[in-house]
Every structure is written in C-alpha cells, then in structure tokens.
Protein backbone atom coordinates (compact mmCIF):
# COMPACT_ATOMS: atom_id res chain seq x y z
CA MET A 1 -35.00 -32.58 -15.57
CA THR A 2 -32.62 -34.13 -12.86
CA TRP A 3 -34.50 -32.34 -10.13
CA ALA A 4 -37.97 -32.94 -11.63
CA PHE A 5 -37.04 -36.59 -11.64
CA VAL A 6 -36.22 -36.75 -8.23
CA ALA A 7 -38.91 -35.10 -6.98
CA THR A 8 -41.19 -37.68 -8.95
CA VAL A 9 -38.97 -40.31 -7.23
CA ALA A 10 -39.57 -39.04 -3.38
CA ALA A 11 -43.52 -38.60 -3.99
CA LEU A 12 -43.58 -42.17 -5.74
CA GLY A 13 -41.28 -43.74 -2.78
CA PHE A 14 -43.78 -42.57 -0.12
CA SER A 15 -46.70 -43.81 -1.67
CA MET A 16 -45.05 -47.14 -2.32
CA LYS A 17 -43.93 -46.92 1.69
CA ALA A 18 -47.63 -46.36 2.45
CA LEU A 19 -48.92 -49.03 0.37
CA SER A 20 -46.14 -51.54 2.11
CA LEU A 21 -47.39 -50.25 5.18
CA ARG A 22 -50.81 -51.39 4.80
CA CYS A 23 -49.70 -54.61 3.41
CA ALA A 24 -47.64 -55.44 6.31
CA ARG A 25 -48.44 -58.84 7.91
CA ARG A 26 -46.65 -57.71 11.13
CA PRO A 27 -46.13 -54.66 13.32
CA VAL A 28 -43.51 -52.29 12.06
CA ARG A 29 -41.03 -51.15 14.37
CA ASN A 30 -39.43 -47.48 14.09
CA ARG A 31 -42.24 -46.75 11.85
CA LEU A 32 -41.17 -43.02 11.40
CA PHE A 33 -37.30 -44.12 10.26
CA PHE A 34 -38.60 -46.62 7.85
CA ILE A 35 -40.82 -43.61 6.44
CA LEU A 36 -37.56 -41.30 6.53
CA SER A 37 -35.60 -43.73 4.60
CA PRO A 38 -34.80 -44.51 1.18
CA LEU A 39 -36.03 -48.14 1.43
CA ALA A 40 -39.86 -49.05 -0.18
CA SER A 41 -40.70 -52.10 1.54
CA VAL A 42 -40.49 -53.02 5.15
CA ASP A 43 -39.43 -56.39 3.88
CA SER A 44 -35.75 -54.21 2.90
CA TRP A 45 -36.31 -52.54 6.42
CA ARG A 46 -36.23 -55.82 8.51
CA ARG A 47 -33.36 -56.59 6.54
CA VAL A 48 -31.61 -53.76 8.15
CA VAL A 49 -29.20 -54.45 10.51
CA MET A 50 -26.79 -53.17 13.33
CA ALA A 51 -23.27 -51.79 11.81
CA THR A 52 -20.20 -52.80 12.71
CA ALA A 53 -16.51 -51.46 12.41
CA ASP A 54 -15.94 -53.66 9.61
CA ASP A 55 -19.28 -52.38 7.98
CA VAL A 56 -18.14 -48.79 8.57
CA ARG A 57 -14.83 -49.25 6.78
CA GLN A 58 -16.05 -51.26 3.77
CA THR A 59 -18.63 -48.79 3.19
CA PHE A 60 -16.38 -45.82 2.97
CA ILE A 61 -14.28 -48.17 0.48
CA ARG A 62 -17.31 -48.97 -1.42
CA CYS A 63 -18.18 -45.46 -1.54
CA VAL A 64 -14.77 -44.02 -2.77
CA LEU A 65 -14.66 -46.99 -5.47
CA ALA A 66 -17.71 -46.73 -6.64
CA THR A 67 -18.16 -43.04 -6.67
CA GLY A 68 -14.72 -42.78 -8.35
CA ALA A 69 -15.77 -44.96 -11.08
CA PHE A 70 -18.82 -43.42 -11.78
CA LEU A 71 -17.28 -39.87 -12.34
CA ILE A 72 -14.44 -41.80 -14.43
CA CYS A 73 -17.10 -43.28 -16.81
CA HIS A 74 -18.81 -40.23 -16.81
CA TRP A 75 -15.60 -38.35 -18.01
CA ILE A 76 -15.13 -40.85 -20.48
CA TYR A 77 -18.78 -40.84 -22.09
CA ARG A 78 -18.40 -37.08 -22.26
CA ARG A 79 -15.65 -37.28 -23.68
CA LEU A 80 -16.38 -40.13 -26.11
CA VAL A 81 -20.05 -38.05 -27.17
CA THR A 82 -18.24 -34.77 -28.34
CA THR A 83 -15.38 -36.41 -29.97
CA LEU A 84 -17.08 -38.90 -31.90
CA ASN A 85 -20.11 -36.80 -32.16
CA LEU A 86 -22.91 -39.55 -31.21
CA SER A 87 -26.40 -39.58 -30.90
CA GLY A 88 -29.23 -41.43 -30.69
CA TRP A 89 -28.97 -45.16 -29.73
CA SER A 90 -25.37 -45.13 -29.62
CA LEU A 91 -25.99 -42.67 -26.47
CA SER A 92 -28.39 -45.27 -24.69
CA TYR A 93 -25.78 -48.12 -25.19
CA LEU A 94 -23.00 -46.02 -23.79
CA GLY A 95 -25.09 -44.87 -21.04
CA ALA A 96 -26.14 -48.13 -19.96
CA PRO A 97 -23.38 -48.96 -17.76
CA LEU A 98 -23.56 -45.33 -16.07
CA VAL A 99 -27.07 -46.03 -14.92
CA TRP A 100 -25.46 -49.11 -13.07
CA LEU A 101 -22.62 -47.22 -11.73
CA MET A 102 -24.88 -44.46 -10.39
CA GLY A 103 -26.93 -47.26 -8.46
CA GLU A 104 -23.79 -48.26 -7.32
CA SER A 105 -22.41 -45.40 -5.81
CA GLY A 106 -25.77 -44.00 -5.20
CA GLY A 107 -26.36 -46.99 -2.80
CA SER A 108 -23.15 -47.04 -1.40
CA ILE A 109 -23.61 -43.08 -0.41
CA ILE A 110 -26.68 -43.64 1.48
CA ARG A 111 -25.80 -46.37 3.46
CA ALA A 112 -22.92 -44.08 4.83
CA LEU A 113 -25.23 -41.47 5.69
CA TYR A 114 -27.27 -43.89 7.71
CA LEU A 115 -23.98 -45.15 9.62
CA PRO A 116 -24.48 -42.26 12.29
CA THR A 117 -27.77 -44.21 13.05
CA GLY A 118 -25.80 -47.27 13.85
CA ARG A 119 -27.83 -49.33 11.46
CA LEU A 120 -26.43 -50.89 7.62
CA MET A 121 -29.09 -50.01 5.15
CA PRO A 122 -28.99 -52.84 2.15
CA LEU A 123 -27.63 -52.08 -0.64
CA PRO A 124 -29.82 -51.47 -3.96
CA HIS A 125 -28.03 -53.88 -6.20
CA HIS A 126 -26.38 -57.10 -5.40
CA ALA A 127 -23.34 -58.14 -7.70
CA VAL A 128 -25.62 -57.45 -10.89
CA LEU A 129 -22.67 -58.21 -13.62
CA ALA A 130 -23.16 -62.13 -11.82
CA ALA A 131 -26.69 -62.18 -13.24
CA ARG A 132 -27.14 -65.87 -14.44
CA SER A 133 -30.66 -65.23 -15.89
CA VAL A 134 -33.51 -62.45 -16.86
CA ALA A 135 -35.16 -64.03 -13.57
CA ASP A 136 -32.07 -63.36 -11.56
CA PHE A 137 -31.16 -60.19 -12.89
CA TRP A 138 -34.54 -58.54 -11.61
CA GLY A 139 -35.32 -60.68 -8.50
CA LYS A 140 -32.24 -60.84 -6.77
CA ARG A 141 -29.72 -58.41 -8.59
CA TRP A 142 -31.32 -55.33 -9.73
CA ASN A 143 -32.32 -52.50 -7.41
CA ALA A 144 -33.48 -55.05 -4.26
CA TRP A 145 -35.56 -51.95 -2.88
CA PHE A 146 -38.25 -52.11 -5.49
CA SER A 147 -38.06 -56.31 -6.27
CA ASP A 148 -38.57 -56.41 -2.18
CA TRP A 149 -41.63 -53.87 -2.93
CA PHE A 150 -42.97 -55.91 -5.86
CA ARG A 151 -42.77 -59.39 -3.70
CA GLN A 152 -44.55 -58.13 -0.72
CA VAL A 153 -47.23 -56.14 -2.45
CA ILE A 154 -48.36 -57.97 -5.64
CA PHE A 155 -46.20 -61.54 -5.60
CA ARG A 156 -47.26 -62.60 -2.09
CA ARG A 157 -51.21 -61.61 -3.10
CA TRP A 158 -50.76 -63.46 -6.56
CA ARG A 159 -48.82 -66.16 -5.50
CA ALA A 160 -51.45 -68.92 -7.01
CA ARG A 161 -51.16 -67.29 -10.35
CA PRO A 162 -47.66 -66.67 -10.65
CA VAL A 163 -47.45 -66.16 -14.48
CA THR A 164 -50.17 -63.39 -13.89
CA ALA A 165 -48.12 -61.83 -10.67
CA LEU A 166 -44.90 -61.57 -12.86
CA MET A 167 -46.71 -59.76 -16.03
CA LEU A 168 -48.37 -57.42 -13.10
CA VAL A 169 -44.88 -56.55 -11.34
CA PHE A 170 -43.38 -55.83 -14.87
CA LEU A 171 -46.71 -53.70 -16.11
CA VAL A 172 -46.57 -51.75 -12.77
CA SER A 173 -43.10 -51.30 -13.24
CA GLY A 174 -43.32 -49.88 -16.53
CA LEU A 175 -45.97 -47.46 -15.38
CA ILE A 176 -43.67 -46.33 -12.72
CA HIS A 177 -40.92 -45.40 -15.32
CA GLU A 178 -43.31 -43.83 -17.83
CA ILE A 179 -44.74 -41.60 -15.03
CA VAL A 180 -41.09 -40.82 -13.28
CA LEU A 181 -39.15 -40.27 -16.48
CA ASN A 182 -41.35 -39.80 -19.99
CA LEU A 183 -44.24 -37.69 -18.44
CA ASN A 184 -41.68 -35.65 -16.86
CA LEU A 185 -39.72 -35.31 -20.02
CA TRP A 186 -43.17 -34.18 -22.05
CA PHE A 187 -44.00 -31.60 -18.82
CA LEU A 188 -40.16 -30.19 -19.48
CA THR A 189 -39.80 -30.14 -23.14
CA GLY A 190 -43.41 -31.03 -24.70
CA HIS A 191 -42.13 -34.07 -26.15
CA ALA A 192 -41.43 -37.64 -25.00
CA PRO A 193 -41.59 -41.19 -26.25
CA PHE A 194 -44.57 -42.49 -24.17
CA SER A 195 -45.06 -46.19 -24.20
CA SER A 196 -41.40 -47.14 -24.32
CA MET A 197 -41.03 -48.35 -20.86
CA MET A 198 -44.05 -50.28 -21.13
CA LEU A 199 -42.94 -51.93 -24.29
CA TYR A 200 -38.89 -52.47 -22.43
CA PHE A 201 -40.96 -53.73 -19.36
CA GLY A 202 -43.16 -55.87 -21.42
CA LEU A 203 -40.42 -57.58 -23.23
CA GLN A 204 -38.52 -58.71 -19.47
CA PRO A 205 -41.50 -61.19 -18.17
CA LEU A 206 -41.42 -63.07 -21.76
CA GLY A 207 -37.59 -63.41 -21.29
CA ILE A 208 -38.12 -64.64 -18.31
CA LEU A 209 -40.67 -67.32 -19.01
CA ALA A 210 -38.85 -68.04 -22.56
CA GLU A 211 -35.70 -68.60 -20.57
CA ARG A 212 -37.81 -71.23 -17.94
CA ASN A 213 -39.00 -73.51 -20.93
CA TRP A 214 -36.45 -73.66 -23.20
CA LEU A 215 -32.93 -72.99 -21.74
CA THR A 216 -33.21 -74.78 -18.27
CA ASN A 217 -30.87 -77.11 -19.51
CA TYR A 218 -28.24 -74.58 -20.62
CA PRO A 219 -26.60 -72.51 -18.25
CA LYS A 220 -24.19 -70.57 -20.25
CA VAL A 221 -26.94 -69.93 -23.05
CA THR A 222 -29.27 -68.42 -20.25
CA VAL A 223 -26.63 -65.85 -19.46
CA GLY A 224 -26.06 -64.83 -22.88
CA PHE A 225 -29.85 -64.62 -23.67
CA ALA A 226 -30.45 -62.77 -20.09
CA TRP A 227 -27.88 -59.77 -20.96
CA LEU A 228 -29.47 -59.62 -24.71
CA VAL A 229 -32.75 -59.62 -23.19
CA VAL A 230 -31.83 -56.94 -20.91
CA LEU A 231 -29.23 -54.59 -22.68
CA GLY A 232 -31.10 -55.25 -26.48
CA PRO A 233 -33.50 -52.75 -26.07
CA ALA A 234 -31.67 -50.32 -23.62
CA PRO A 235 -32.74 -47.57 -26.15
CA LEU A 236 -36.10 -47.94 -25.27
CA ILE A 237 -35.38 -47.47 -21.23
CA VAL A 238 -31.83 -45.30 -21.44
CA ASN A 239 -33.41 -42.74 -23.52
CA GLU A 240 -33.50 -39.22 -23.62
CA ALA A 241 -35.51 -38.74 -20.25
CA LEU A 242 -33.35 -41.01 -18.29
CA LEU A 243 -30.12 -39.26 -20.30
CA ARG A 244 -31.52 -35.95 -19.17
CA ALA A 245 -32.05 -37.14 -15.60
CA LEU A 246 -28.46 -38.34 -15.12
CA GLN A 247 -27.33 -35.25 -17.28
CA LEU A 248 -25.91 -37.19 -20.01
CA TRP A 249 -28.05 -35.71 -22.94
CA ARG A 250 -26.71 -33.62 -25.50
C-alpha cells in the first residue's frame, strides 16, 4: 500500500504541476527545477529563497527533532495498539498525530535534501497547532504546498464567487484523497470505504461558513470549534487506507 500511495502521489503531483504552469500569470524561471521539486504550485516555487548558513543549521535541527518525534510516536502507537488490542476508530484518533508528524518530518527532510542546491524550500506545514479557526488551519497552517495550488488554480479564477470557490476546493481535495487512498486500497484489497474522503472534506467548508457567520466574535470558541471540525470526523480520513500507507494498520 505504501508504494502504491507514493506512486499515485507522484503521478498526481506532476499533473498538478502541469496545470499550475498552464495557469501561471507570468513566466516561470527554472521550470525544470520546479517540475522536479516536490512543490505543486508555481506560487510555492516563488517562495523559494537562497539558503543561509543559519537556515542550514536550523533545517538539520528540525530534521532531527521532527523525525525523532515521529519515530518515537510511531513506536508508542505500535505498543498501545498491541497492548490494548485497539481497532476501529481508536486507530484513527491515535494515528491522527502521526499524520501531522509525518508531514513535519517529511517536509524537513525534503528541505534538507535540497540544501545542496543552495535553495531553501518552503515547508508544507506552518505551526499547525497554532490554528485559530478552520479557515486558518486549511488556508495557512496545513499543507501549504496544496493550499498554494488551490489558491492559484481555483480561488483566483472564482474570486467573484468565493463560496463556490470554497466548496469547489474541498470537492477537488476530496476527489484527490479518494483516488490516492481509497481507490488504491480497493485495488490492493478489493474493498475500500469509498466516499469517506468526500464526506470529510465536505464537512470542512461547512465549518468555515459556520464560524464566519456565527463565531466571529468568539475567538476562544472558534479555536475549539476548529479542532472539533478538523479532528472530530478523523475516522473518515485517517481510515484503513491512510493507516496502511503509514504502516499503522493491524
């Protein structure tokens, strides 16, 4: 499942890059380097800067800390699952932090691998735990590589109809996850929880619209509501397919 996941993500990545290049408003320098990078959007590519000596030091420290945290939590997860004989939804909620740590670790490693080119790649996540709302989580904190692509390819084209653009972004995101995860699981095992990703990502824009309409004046409530919307339906997305891809299924 892991290799099928990686191969599908790679194919998806090249498709997203091609569409991003097609939608670019101005010429893209070092186009080949962008195509071979992990970035999906030319907007992310334009945020690449030249690395300094301090950037190199901080990147390697981040690599050690993030990778160490992921490996330790992975070991704890395995021990808890085996000792307590956990299954079902408990695996989803217990595995959710590992999805985040995988992104932190993977992003740091990718940044380190590109340092010999003299460039500092942007990280996929940005202070995820500091998210203040559902919109803040998806728009600024979680997987900026994808959110940059959605802003460039969808939001700019639909800026006159922001609610439609919002719904379309999460619809496309749901379809992507269905293909990368659930479809791969079906090919490998003959079963898959189809529509779970669509349902999860269908709930997210509803959460954003709810907080905009009713929670604007209640910042503390908004934070709690955000994590309820993001993590509450975790079993829909941190399902067998994703857990298998991360070697967390039993």
